Amino acid sequence: MASGKGTNAANLIAYFNRNPIARVKAILCNVPHAGVIQVASEAGIPVILLEKNTFFNTSIYLDILKKMQPRLIVLAGFLWKIPASWIETFPRQIINIHPALLPRFGGKGMYGNRVHEAVLQAREAYSGITIHYVNEEYDAGDIIFQEKIKVEPHDTVETLAQKIHALEYTYYPQVIAGLLSQDLAVEKTS
């Protein structure tokens, strides 16, 4: 699920094309002209365009997802809050990546450069990424993984964003693969 350019989605698609433990079945997007739609198109992955009222007030999209039987639902820059019905239907199967070390610099409206600006304004010594399960609150689900980097005195929003993107591209696919491998181990022993 993504709302923007699709750089994380492209990275995940490429990773799982090289490491076929799983495949990206579909991209769910809530922005009609987002770059992620082109990323999906080039990769031959179907796109489900989400309409806000339908997303929040019906079970149409949830029913579509149930039929797909995803092992994991991955948020990659998706900016809408996930409805409680989705979390109940897919417990501990929806994950998100946040561009800071939660619980700091999270919550509603804290995404992208807003996070990096807040980190720099607070004069933090470190920033990083947090991969977490999605719950009913923004950026408050159980933490799966964190990785930090040093914030240098000369860092700007742009340089910090580049460092964080590098962490995302390295670790998000690895953590997803690890979660899926655990899932496979459970299936094999069942």
N, C-alpha and C. Protein backbone atom coordinates (compact mmCIF):
# COMPACT_ATOMS: atom_id res chain seq x y z
N MET A 1 0.85 -1.17 0.00
CA MET A 1 0.00 0.00 0.00
C MET A 1 0.90 1.23 0.00
N ALA A 2 0.66 2.14 -0.93
CA ALA A 2 1.52 3.30 -1.07
C ALA A 2 0.72 4.50 -1.55
N SER A 3 1.26 5.70 -1.26
CA SER A 3 0.60 6.94 -1.66
C SER A 3 1.47 7.84 -2.52
N GLY A 4 2.74 7.50 -2.68
CA GLY A 4 3.66 8.46 -3.30
C GLY A 4 4.39 7.95 -4.53
N LYS A 5 5.68 8.32 -4.60
CA LYS A 5 6.50 8.03 -5.78
C LYS A 5 6.70 6.54 -6.02
N GLY A 6 6.73 5.79 -4.94
CA GLY A 6 6.88 4.35 -5.09
C GLY A 6 8.30 3.85 -5.04
N THR A 7 9.22 4.61 -4.46
CA THR A 7 10.61 4.16 -4.42
C THR A 7 10.77 2.92 -3.53
N ASN A 8 10.09 2.90 -2.37
CA ASN A 8 10.16 1.71 -1.52
C ASN A 8 9.46 0.54 -2.20
N ALA A 9 8.33 0.78 -2.84
CA ALA A 9 7.62 -0.28 -3.55
C ALA A 9 8.50 -0.87 -4.65
N ALA A 10 9.16 -0.01 -5.43
CA ALA A 10 10.05 -0.49 -6.49
C ALA A 10 11.18 -1.33 -5.91
N ASN A 11 11.74 -0.89 -4.80
CA ASN A 11 12.81 -1.63 -4.15
C ASN A 11 12.32 -3.00 -3.68
N LEU A 12 11.11 -3.05 -3.10
CA LEU A 12 10.56 -4.32 -2.63
C LEU A 12 10.27 -5.26 -3.80
N ILE A 13 9.71 -4.73 -4.86
CA ILE A 13 9.42 -5.54 -6.05
C ILE A 13 10.71 -6.15 -6.59
N ALA A 14 11.74 -5.33 -6.73
CA ALA A 14 13.03 -5.81 -7.24
C ALA A 14 13.63 -6.87 -6.31
N TYR A 15 13.57 -6.62 -5.01
CA TYR A 15 14.13 -7.55 -4.03
C TYR A 15 13.45 -8.92 -4.14
N PHE A 16 12.12 -8.93 -4.18
CA PHE A 16 11.41 -10.20 -4.21
C PHE A 16 11.41 -10.85 -5.60
N ASN A 17 11.74 -10.11 -6.62
CA ASN A 17 11.99 -10.73 -7.92
C ASN A 17 13.31 -11.50 -7.88
N ARG A 18 14.29 -10.97 -7.13
CA ARG A 18 15.59 -11.64 -6.99
C ARG A 18 15.53 -12.77 -5.96
N ASN A 19 14.68 -12.62 -4.95
CA ASN A 19 14.58 -13.56 -3.83
C ASN A 19 13.12 -14.02 -3.74
N PRO A 20 12.75 -15.02 -4.51
CA PRO A 20 11.34 -15.34 -4.67
C PRO A 20 10.69 -16.08 -3.49
N ILE A 21 10.95 -15.63 -2.28
CA ILE A 21 10.26 -16.17 -1.11
C ILE A 21 8.78 -15.78 -1.17
N ALA A 22 8.50 -14.67 -1.83
CA ALA A 22 7.13 -14.17 -1.97
C ALA A 22 7.11 -13.27 -3.20
N ARG A 23 5.90 -12.85 -3.55
CA ARG A 23 5.79 -11.88 -4.64
C ARG A 23 4.78 -10.82 -4.25
N VAL A 24 4.92 -9.67 -4.86
CA VAL A 24 3.98 -8.58 -4.64
C VAL A 24 2.76 -8.89 -5.50
N LYS A 25 1.61 -9.11 -4.86
CA LYS A 25 0.39 -9.50 -5.58
C LYS A 25 -0.33 -8.30 -6.17
N ALA A 26 -0.28 -7.17 -5.48
CA ALA A 26 -0.99 -5.97 -5.93
C ALA A 26 -0.45 -4.76 -5.19
N ILE A 27 -0.67 -3.61 -5.79
CA ILE A 27 -0.37 -2.33 -5.14
C ILE A 27 -1.71 -1.65 -4.89
N LEU A 28 -1.94 -1.26 -3.65
CA LEU A 28 -3.12 -0.48 -3.30
C LEU A 28 -2.67 0.95 -3.13
N CYS A 29 -3.29 1.85 -3.85
CA CYS A 29 -2.86 3.25 -3.85
C CYS A 29 -4.07 4.16 -3.69
N ASN A 30 -3.89 5.23 -2.93
CA ASN A 30 -4.98 6.17 -2.68
C ASN A 30 -4.80 7.51 -3.39
N VAL A 31 -3.82 7.62 -4.27
CA VAL A 31 -3.56 8.87 -5.00
C VAL A 31 -3.57 8.55 -6.49
N PRO A 32 -4.56 9.05 -7.24
CA PRO A 32 -4.74 8.65 -8.65
C PRO A 32 -3.53 8.82 -9.56
N HIS A 33 -2.67 9.80 -9.32
CA HIS A 33 -1.53 10.03 -10.21
C HIS A 33 -0.19 9.81 -9.51
N ALA A 34 -0.20 9.00 -8.46
CA ALA A 34 1.04 8.74 -7.72
C ALA A 34 2.03 7.96 -8.58
N GLY A 35 3.30 8.21 -8.36
CA GLY A 35 4.35 7.52 -9.11
C GLY A 35 4.34 6.02 -8.92
N VAL A 36 3.85 5.55 -7.78
CA VAL A 36 3.82 4.11 -7.51
C VAL A 36 2.95 3.37 -8.53
N ILE A 37 1.98 4.04 -9.13
CA ILE A 37 1.14 3.40 -10.14
C ILE A 37 1.98 3.04 -11.36
N GLN A 38 2.86 3.94 -11.77
CA GLN A 38 3.76 3.66 -12.89
C GLN A 38 4.74 2.55 -12.53
N VAL A 39 5.23 2.56 -11.29
CA VAL A 39 6.13 1.50 -10.83
C VAL A 39 5.44 0.14 -10.96
N ALA A 40 4.19 0.07 -10.49
CA ALA A 40 3.44 -1.18 -10.57
C ALA A 40 3.20 -1.60 -12.02
N SER A 41 2.83 -0.64 -12.86
CA SER A 41 2.56 -0.91 -14.27
C SER A 41 3.79 -1.50 -14.96
N GLU A 42 4.94 -0.90 -14.72
CA GLU A 42 6.19 -1.37 -15.33
C GLU A 42 6.56 -2.77 -14.86
N ALA A 43 6.14 -3.12 -13.63
CA ALA A 43 6.44 -4.44 -13.08
C ALA A 43 5.35 -5.46 -13.38
N GLY A 44 4.28 -5.02 -14.06
CA GLY A 44 3.19 -5.93 -14.37
C GLY A 44 2.35 -6.32 -13.17
N ILE A 45 2.31 -5.45 -12.18
CA ILE A 45 1.56 -5.71 -10.94
C ILE A 45 0.26 -4.93 -10.97
N PRO A 46 -0.87 -5.59 -10.69
CA PRO A 46 -2.15 -4.87 -10.70
C PRO A 46 -2.22 -3.79 -9.62
N VAL A 47 -2.94 -2.73 -9.93
CA VAL A 47 -3.14 -1.62 -9.00
C VAL A 47 -4.61 -1.55 -8.63
N ILE A 48 -4.86 -1.40 -7.35
CA ILE A 48 -6.21 -1.16 -6.86
C ILE A 48 -6.22 0.27 -6.36
N LEU A 49 -6.96 1.13 -7.05
CA LEU A 49 -7.03 2.54 -6.66
C LEU A 49 -8.12 2.69 -5.60
N LEU A 50 -7.72 3.21 -4.46
CA LEU A 50 -8.61 3.33 -3.32
C LEU A 50 -9.31 4.69 -3.30
N GLU A 51 -10.62 4.64 -3.19
CA GLU A 51 -11.43 5.85 -3.04
C GLU A 51 -11.72 6.00 -1.55
N LYS A 52 -11.54 7.21 -1.03
CA LYS A 52 -11.54 7.44 0.42
C LYS A 52 -12.84 7.00 1.11
N ASN A 53 -13.98 7.42 0.62
CA ASN A 53 -15.24 7.06 1.28
C ASN A 53 -15.45 5.55 1.28
N THR A 54 -15.14 4.91 0.17
CA THR A 54 -15.28 3.45 0.07
C THR A 54 -14.31 2.75 1.02
N PHE A 55 -13.08 3.27 1.12
CA PHE A 55 -12.06 2.68 1.98
C PHE A 55 -12.48 2.71 3.45
N PHE A 56 -12.98 3.87 3.88
CA PHE A 56 -13.29 4.03 5.30
C PHE A 56 -14.70 3.58 5.69
N ASN A 57 -15.64 3.53 4.76
CA ASN A 57 -17.03 3.30 5.13
C ASN A 57 -17.66 2.03 4.57
N THR A 58 -16.88 1.22 3.87
CA THR A 58 -17.40 -0.05 3.37
C THR A 58 -16.34 -1.13 3.57
N SER A 59 -16.71 -2.36 3.28
CA SER A 59 -15.75 -3.46 3.37
C SER A 59 -15.30 -3.93 1.98
N ILE A 60 -15.58 -3.16 0.95
CA ILE A 60 -15.27 -3.58 -0.42
C ILE A 60 -13.80 -3.93 -0.60
N TYR A 61 -12.91 -3.03 -0.22
CA TYR A 61 -11.48 -3.28 -0.41
C TYR A 61 -10.99 -4.39 0.51
N LEU A 62 -11.52 -4.44 1.72
CA LEU A 62 -11.15 -5.50 2.65
C LEU A 62 -11.56 -6.85 2.09
N ASP A 63 -12.73 -6.92 1.49
CA ASP A 63 -13.19 -8.17 0.89
C ASP A 63 -12.28 -8.59 -0.27
N ILE A 64 -11.82 -7.63 -1.06
CA ILE A 64 -10.87 -7.93 -2.15
C ILE A 64 -9.59 -8.51 -1.57
N LEU A 65 -9.09 -7.90 -0.50
CA LEU A 65 -7.85 -8.38 0.12
C LEU A 65 -8.03 -9.78 0.70
N LYS A 66 -9.16 -10.03 1.33
CA LYS A 66 -9.41 -11.37 1.89
C LYS A 66 -9.30 -12.43 0.80
N LYS A 67 -9.85 -12.14 -0.38
CA LYS A 67 -9.79 -13.09 -1.49
C LYS A 67 -8.35 -13.32 -1.96
N MET A 68 -7.51 -12.29 -1.83
CA MET A 68 -6.10 -12.42 -2.24
C MET A 68 -5.29 -13.26 -1.25
N GLN A 69 -5.76 -13.37 -0.03
CA GLN A 69 -5.09 -14.11 1.04
C GLN A 69 -3.63 -13.71 1.22
N PRO A 70 -3.37 -12.44 1.48
CA PRO A 70 -1.98 -12.02 1.66
C PRO A 70 -1.39 -12.58 2.95
N ARG A 71 -0.13 -12.93 2.87
CA ARG A 71 0.58 -13.34 4.08
C ARG A 71 1.03 -12.12 4.87
N LEU A 72 1.22 -11.01 4.15
CA LEU A 72 1.65 -9.77 4.79
C LEU A 72 1.14 -8.59 3.96
N ILE A 73 0.70 -7.56 4.63
CA ILE A 73 0.30 -6.31 3.97
C ILE A 73 1.34 -5.29 4.37
N VAL A 74 2.01 -4.73 3.38
CA VAL A 74 3.16 -3.86 3.62
C VAL A 74 2.81 -2.43 3.24
N LEU A 75 2.92 -1.53 4.21
CA LEU A 75 2.73 -0.11 3.93
C LEU A 75 4.08 0.47 3.54
N ALA A 76 4.09 1.17 2.42
CA ALA A 76 5.33 1.78 1.92
C ALA A 76 5.02 3.22 1.53
N GLY A 77 4.87 4.06 2.55
CA GLY A 77 4.51 5.44 2.30
C GLY A 77 3.02 5.62 2.09
N PHE A 78 2.22 4.82 2.78
CA PHE A 78 0.76 4.94 2.69
C PHE A 78 0.31 5.86 3.81
N LEU A 79 -0.43 6.93 3.45
CA LEU A 79 -0.68 8.00 4.42
C LEU A 79 -2.05 7.98 5.09
N TRP A 80 -2.89 7.01 4.79
CA TRP A 80 -4.17 6.92 5.49
C TRP A 80 -4.06 5.97 6.66
N LYS A 81 -4.83 6.25 7.69
CA LYS A 81 -4.91 5.37 8.85
C LYS A 81 -5.66 4.09 8.44
N ILE A 82 -5.16 2.96 8.85
CA ILE A 82 -5.77 1.68 8.50
C ILE A 82 -6.97 1.43 9.41
N PRO A 83 -8.13 1.13 8.84
CA PRO A 83 -9.33 0.90 9.65
C PRO A 83 -9.16 -0.29 10.61
N ALA A 84 -9.83 -0.21 11.74
CA ALA A 84 -9.77 -1.28 12.75
C ALA A 84 -10.21 -2.62 12.17
N SER A 85 -11.18 -2.61 11.26
CA SER A 85 -11.65 -3.88 10.67
C SER A 85 -10.53 -4.60 9.92
N TRP A 86 -9.63 -3.85 9.30
CA TRP A 86 -8.51 -4.46 8.60
C TRP A 86 -7.54 -5.09 9.60
N ILE A 87 -7.29 -4.38 10.69
CA ILE A 87 -6.35 -4.86 11.72
C ILE A 87 -6.91 -6.11 12.38
N GLU A 88 -8.22 -6.14 12.61
CA GLU A 88 -8.86 -7.33 13.19
C GLU A 88 -8.82 -8.50 12.22
N THR A 89 -9.00 -8.24 10.94
CA THR A 89 -8.99 -9.30 9.93
C THR A 89 -7.59 -9.84 9.68
N PHE A 90 -6.60 -8.97 9.73
CA PHE A 90 -5.21 -9.35 9.47
C PHE A 90 -4.32 -9.00 10.66
N PRO A 91 -4.54 -9.65 11.83
CA PRO A 91 -3.74 -9.31 13.01
C PRO A 91 -2.26 -9.65 12.81
N ARG A 92 -1.41 -8.69 13.13
CA ARG A 92 0.04 -8.83 13.01
C ARG A 92 0.46 -9.26 11.61
N GLN A 93 -0.32 -8.82 10.62
CA GLN A 93 0.03 -9.08 9.22
C GLN A 93 0.15 -7.77 8.44
N ILE A 94 -0.05 -6.64 9.10
CA ILE A 94 0.08 -5.34 8.44
C ILE A 94 1.27 -4.65 9.09
N ILE A 95 2.25 -4.28 8.26
CA ILE A 95 3.44 -3.63 8.81
C ILE A 95 3.66 -2.29 8.10
N ASN A 96 4.39 -1.43 8.80
CA ASN A 96 4.69 -0.10 8.29
C ASN A 96 6.16 0.20 8.56
N ILE A 97 6.70 1.10 7.75
CA ILE A 97 8.05 1.61 8.00
C ILE A 97 7.92 3.10 8.27
N HIS A 98 8.61 3.56 9.31
CA HIS A 98 8.56 4.98 9.70
C HIS A 98 9.98 5.54 9.68
N PRO A 99 10.17 6.76 9.15
CA PRO A 99 11.51 7.32 8.99
C PRO A 99 12.07 8.02 10.23
N ALA A 100 11.89 7.38 11.39
CA ALA A 100 12.46 7.89 12.64
C ALA A 100 12.47 6.75 13.64
N LEU A 101 13.10 7.01 14.77
CA LEU A 101 13.17 6.02 15.83
C LEU A 101 11.97 6.20 16.76
N LEU A 102 10.91 5.46 16.46
CA LEU A 102 9.71 5.55 17.29
C LEU A 102 10.05 5.09 18.71
N PRO A 103 9.39 5.62 19.71
CA PRO A 103 8.15 6.38 19.65
C PRO A 103 8.32 7.88 19.37
N ARG A 104 9.54 8.34 19.25
CA ARG A 104 9.73 9.77 18.96
C ARG A 104 9.43 10.06 17.50
N PHE A 105 8.89 11.23 17.26
CA PHE A 105 8.65 11.76 15.92
C PHE A 105 7.67 10.92 15.09
N GLY A 106 6.67 10.37 15.77
CA GLY A 106 5.63 9.63 15.09
C GLY A 106 4.28 10.29 15.32
N GLY A 107 3.26 9.70 14.76
CA GLY A 107 1.90 10.19 14.96
C GLY A 107 1.33 10.82 13.70
N LYS A 108 0.10 11.27 13.83
CA LYS A 108 -0.60 11.84 12.69
C LYS A 108 0.18 13.03 12.11
N GLY A 109 0.33 13.04 10.81
CA GLY A 109 1.00 14.14 10.13
C GLY A 109 2.52 14.04 10.12
N MET A 110 3.07 13.04 10.80
CA MET A 110 4.53 12.89 10.84
C MET A 110 4.98 11.88 9.79
N TYR A 111 5.34 12.41 8.63
CA TYR A 111 5.83 11.58 7.54
C TYR A 111 6.79 12.39 6.70
N GLY A 112 7.63 11.69 5.96
CA GLY A 112 8.55 12.33 5.02
C GLY A 112 9.42 13.40 5.66
N ASN A 113 9.55 14.51 4.95
CA ASN A 113 10.44 15.58 5.41
C ASN A 113 10.00 16.22 6.71
N ARG A 114 8.72 16.13 7.05
CA ARG A 114 8.26 16.67 8.35
C ARG A 114 8.99 15.98 9.50
N VAL A 115 9.21 14.68 9.35
CA VAL A 115 9.92 13.94 10.38
C VAL A 115 11.36 14.40 10.46
N HIS A 116 12.02 14.52 9.33
CA HIS A 116 13.43 14.91 9.31
C HIS A 116 13.61 16.33 9.86
N GLU A 117 12.69 17.23 9.52
CA GLU A 117 12.73 18.59 10.07
C GLU A 117 12.63 18.56 11.58
N ALA A 118 11.72 17.75 12.11
CA ALA A 118 11.54 17.66 13.57
C ALA A 118 12.78 17.08 14.25
N VAL A 119 13.38 16.08 13.63
CA VAL A 119 14.59 15.48 14.19
C VAL A 119 15.71 16.52 14.25
N LEU A 120 15.89 17.28 13.17
CA LEU A 120 16.94 18.30 13.14
C LEU A 120 16.66 19.43 14.12
N GLN A 121 15.40 19.87 14.19
CA GLN A 121 15.05 20.94 15.13
C GLN A 121 15.27 20.52 16.58
N ALA A 122 15.06 19.23 16.86
CA ALA A 122 15.26 18.72 18.22
C ALA A 122 16.73 18.44 18.53
N ARG A 123 17.57 18.60 17.50
CA ARG A 123 19.02 18.37 17.64
C ARG A 123 19.34 16.97 18.17
N GLU A 124 18.64 16.01 17.59
CA GLU A 124 18.85 14.61 17.97
C GLU A 124 20.24 14.16 17.52
N ALA A 125 20.86 13.31 18.31
CA ALA A 125 22.15 12.74 17.94
C ALA A 125 21.99 11.62 16.91
N TYR A 126 20.82 10.96 16.95
CA TYR A 126 20.57 9.84 16.05
C TYR A 126 19.17 9.94 15.47
N SER A 127 19.03 9.38 14.30
CA SER A 127 17.73 9.14 13.70
C SER A 127 17.79 7.73 13.13
N GLY A 128 16.78 7.34 12.39
CA GLY A 128 16.81 6.01 11.83
C GLY A 128 15.46 5.60 11.29
N ILE A 129 15.25 4.29 11.25
CA ILE A 129 13.98 3.76 10.78
C ILE A 129 13.39 2.84 11.84
N THR A 130 12.08 2.74 11.79
CA THR A 130 11.36 1.79 12.64
C THR A 130 10.40 1.02 11.75
N ILE A 131 10.45 -0.27 11.83
CA ILE A 131 9.47 -1.14 11.17
C ILE A 131 8.61 -1.70 12.28
N HIS A 132 7.29 -1.53 12.12
CA HIS A 132 6.39 -1.92 13.21
C HIS A 132 5.08 -2.49 12.68
N TYR A 133 4.42 -3.25 13.54
CA TYR A 133 3.08 -3.72 13.21
C TYR A 133 2.13 -2.53 13.29
N VAL A 134 1.11 -2.54 12.46
CA VAL A 134 0.11 -1.48 12.45
C VAL A 134 -0.98 -1.84 13.45
N ASN A 135 -1.34 -0.84 14.28
CA ASN A 135 -2.49 -1.00 15.15
C ASN A 135 -3.43 0.18 14.91
N GLU A 136 -4.35 0.42 15.84
CA GLU A 136 -5.38 1.43 15.64
C GLU A 136 -4.86 2.87 15.76
N GLU A 137 -3.63 3.05 16.21
CA GLU A 137 -3.07 4.38 16.36
C GLU A 137 -1.91 4.58 15.38
N TYR A 138 -1.72 5.83 14.95
CA TYR A 138 -0.60 6.13 14.06
C TYR A 138 0.72 5.79 14.74
N ASP A 139 1.54 4.99 14.09
CA ASP A 139 2.92 4.72 14.49
C ASP A 139 3.07 4.19 15.92
N ALA A 140 2.07 3.46 16.40
CA ALA A 140 2.10 3.01 17.80
C ALA A 140 2.11 1.50 17.95
N GLY A 141 2.16 0.75 16.85
CA GLY A 141 2.15 -0.71 16.95
C GLY A 141 3.48 -1.24 17.45
N ASP A 142 3.48 -2.51 17.82
CA ASP A 142 4.69 -3.15 18.34
C ASP A 142 5.83 -3.03 17.34
N ILE A 143 6.99 -2.68 17.87
CA ILE A 143 8.18 -2.50 17.04
C ILE A 143 8.77 -3.86 16.69
N ILE A 144 9.05 -4.04 15.40
CA ILE A 144 9.67 -5.25 14.89
C ILE A 144 11.18 -5.06 14.77
N PHE A 145 11.59 -3.86 14.30
CA PHE A 145 13.00 -3.63 13.98
C PHE A 145 13.28 -2.14 13.97
N GLN A 146 14.46 -1.76 14.46
CA GLN A 146 14.94 -0.38 14.34
C GLN A 146 16.41 -0.41 13.93
N GLU A 147 16.79 0.59 13.17
CA GLU A 147 18.20 0.79 12.82
C GLU A 147 18.46 2.28 12.88
N LYS A 148 19.59 2.66 13.48
CA LYS A 148 19.86 4.09 13.63
C LYS A 148 21.11 4.51 12.87
N ILE A 149 21.15 5.81 12.61
CA ILE A 149 22.32 6.44 12.02
C ILE A 149 22.60 7.72 12.80
N LYS A 150 23.84 8.14 12.76
CA LYS A 150 24.21 9.37 13.46
C LYS A 150 23.75 10.58 12.65
N VAL A 151 23.19 11.55 13.34
CA VAL A 151 22.84 12.82 12.70
C VAL A 151 24.06 13.72 12.85
N GLU A 152 24.62 14.11 11.72
CA GLU A 152 25.83 14.95 11.72
C GLU A 152 25.45 16.42 11.82
N PRO A 153 26.32 17.26 12.38
CA PRO A 153 26.02 18.68 12.51
C PRO A 153 25.70 19.37 11.18
N HIS A 154 26.29 18.88 10.09
CA HIS A 154 26.07 19.50 8.78
C HIS A 154 24.85 18.94 8.05
N ASP A 155 24.15 17.95 8.64
CA ASP A 155 23.01 17.35 7.96
C ASP A 155 21.89 18.37 7.73
N THR A 156 21.26 18.23 6.58
CA THR A 156 20.07 19.01 6.23
C THR A 156 18.91 18.03 6.11
N VAL A 157 17.73 18.55 5.90
CA VAL A 157 16.58 17.67 5.68
C VAL A 157 16.87 16.72 4.53
N GLU A 158 17.47 17.24 3.46
CA GLU A 158 17.75 16.44 2.28
C GLU A 158 18.79 15.35 2.55
N THR A 159 19.87 15.69 3.23
CA THR A 159 20.91 14.68 3.48
C THR A 159 20.42 13.64 4.47
N LEU A 160 19.63 14.07 5.45
CA LEU A 160 19.08 13.12 6.40
C LEU A 160 18.10 12.18 5.69
N ALA A 161 17.28 12.74 4.81
CA ALA A 161 16.33 11.92 4.05
C ALA A 161 17.08 10.87 3.23
N GLN A 162 18.19 11.24 2.61
CA GLN A 162 18.97 10.29 1.82
C GLN A 162 19.50 9.15 2.69
N LYS A 163 19.99 9.49 3.87
CA LYS A 163 20.49 8.46 4.79
C LYS A 163 19.37 7.51 5.21
N ILE A 164 18.22 8.07 5.51
CA ILE A 164 17.08 7.27 5.95
C ILE A 164 16.60 6.37 4.81
N HIS A 165 16.52 6.92 3.60
CA HIS A 165 16.12 6.09 2.45
C HIS A 165 17.07 4.92 2.27
N ALA A 166 18.36 5.14 2.44
CA ALA A 166 19.33 4.05 2.30
C ALA A 166 19.04 2.95 3.32
N LEU A 167 18.70 3.34 4.55
CA LEU A 167 18.34 2.34 5.57
C LEU A 167 17.08 1.60 5.17
N GLU A 168 16.07 2.34 4.69
CA GLU A 168 14.81 1.72 4.28
C GLU A 168 15.05 0.68 3.19
N TYR A 169 15.80 1.07 2.17
CA TYR A 169 16.03 0.19 1.03
C TYR A 169 16.82 -1.07 1.43
N THR A 170 17.70 -0.93 2.40
CA THR A 170 18.48 -2.07 2.86
C THR A 170 17.66 -3.00 3.76
N TYR A 171 16.99 -2.42 4.75
CA TYR A 171 16.41 -3.26 5.80
C TYR A 171 14.95 -3.66 5.61
N TYR A 172 14.14 -2.85 4.95
CA TYR A 172 12.72 -3.20 4.84
C TYR A 172 12.52 -4.55 4.13
N PRO A 173 13.15 -4.77 2.97
CA PRO A 173 12.97 -6.07 2.33
C PRO A 173 13.49 -7.23 3.18
N GLN A 174 14.59 -7.01 3.87
CA GLN A 174 15.17 -8.08 4.70
C GLN A 174 14.23 -8.44 5.85
N VAL A 175 13.65 -7.43 6.49
CA VAL A 175 12.74 -7.69 7.60
C VAL A 175 11.48 -8.39 7.09
N ILE A 176 10.96 -7.94 5.96
CA ILE A 176 9.78 -8.59 5.37
C ILE A 176 10.10 -10.05 5.05
N ALA A 177 11.24 -10.30 4.44
CA ALA A 177 11.64 -11.68 4.12
C ALA A 177 11.75 -12.51 5.40
N GLY A 178 12.29 -11.92 6.45
CA GLY A 178 12.40 -12.63 7.72
C GLY A 178 11.03 -12.97 8.30
N LEU A 179 10.10 -12.03 8.24
CA LEU A 179 8.75 -12.30 8.74
C LEU A 179 8.08 -13.39 7.91
N LEU A 180 8.26 -13.34 6.60
CA LEU A 180 7.66 -14.35 5.73
C LEU A 180 8.31 -15.72 5.97
N SER A 181 9.59 -15.76 6.24
CA SER A 181 10.28 -17.02 6.53
C SER A 181 9.75 -17.64 7.82
N GLN A 182 9.50 -16.81 8.83
CA GLN A 182 8.90 -17.29 10.07
C GLN A 182 7.52 -17.88 9.79
N ASP A 183 6.76 -17.18 8.95
CA ASP A 183 5.43 -17.62 8.57
C ASP A 183 5.51 -18.98 7.87
N LEU A 184 6.48 -19.14 6.99
CA LEU A 184 6.66 -20.42 6.29
C LEU A 184 7.02 -21.52 7.27
N ALA A 185 7.88 -21.20 8.25
CA ALA A 185 8.28 -22.20 9.25
C ALA A 185 7.07 -22.66 10.05
N VAL A 186 6.19 -21.75 10.40
CA VAL A 186 4.98 -22.09 11.15
C VAL A 186 4.08 -22.96 10.28
N GLU A 187 3.91 -22.60 9.00
CA GLU A 187 3.07 -23.39 8.09
C GLU A 187 3.63 -24.81 7.93
N LYS A 188 4.94 -24.94 7.84
CA LYS A 188 5.55 -26.27 7.63
C LYS A 188 5.41 -27.17 8.86
N THR A 189 5.38 -26.58 10.06
CA THR A 189 5.26 -27.38 11.27
C THR A 189 3.81 -27.65 11.64
N SER A 190 2.90 -26.95 11.00
CA SER A 190 1.47 -27.14 11.32
C SER A 190 0.91 -28.36 10.62
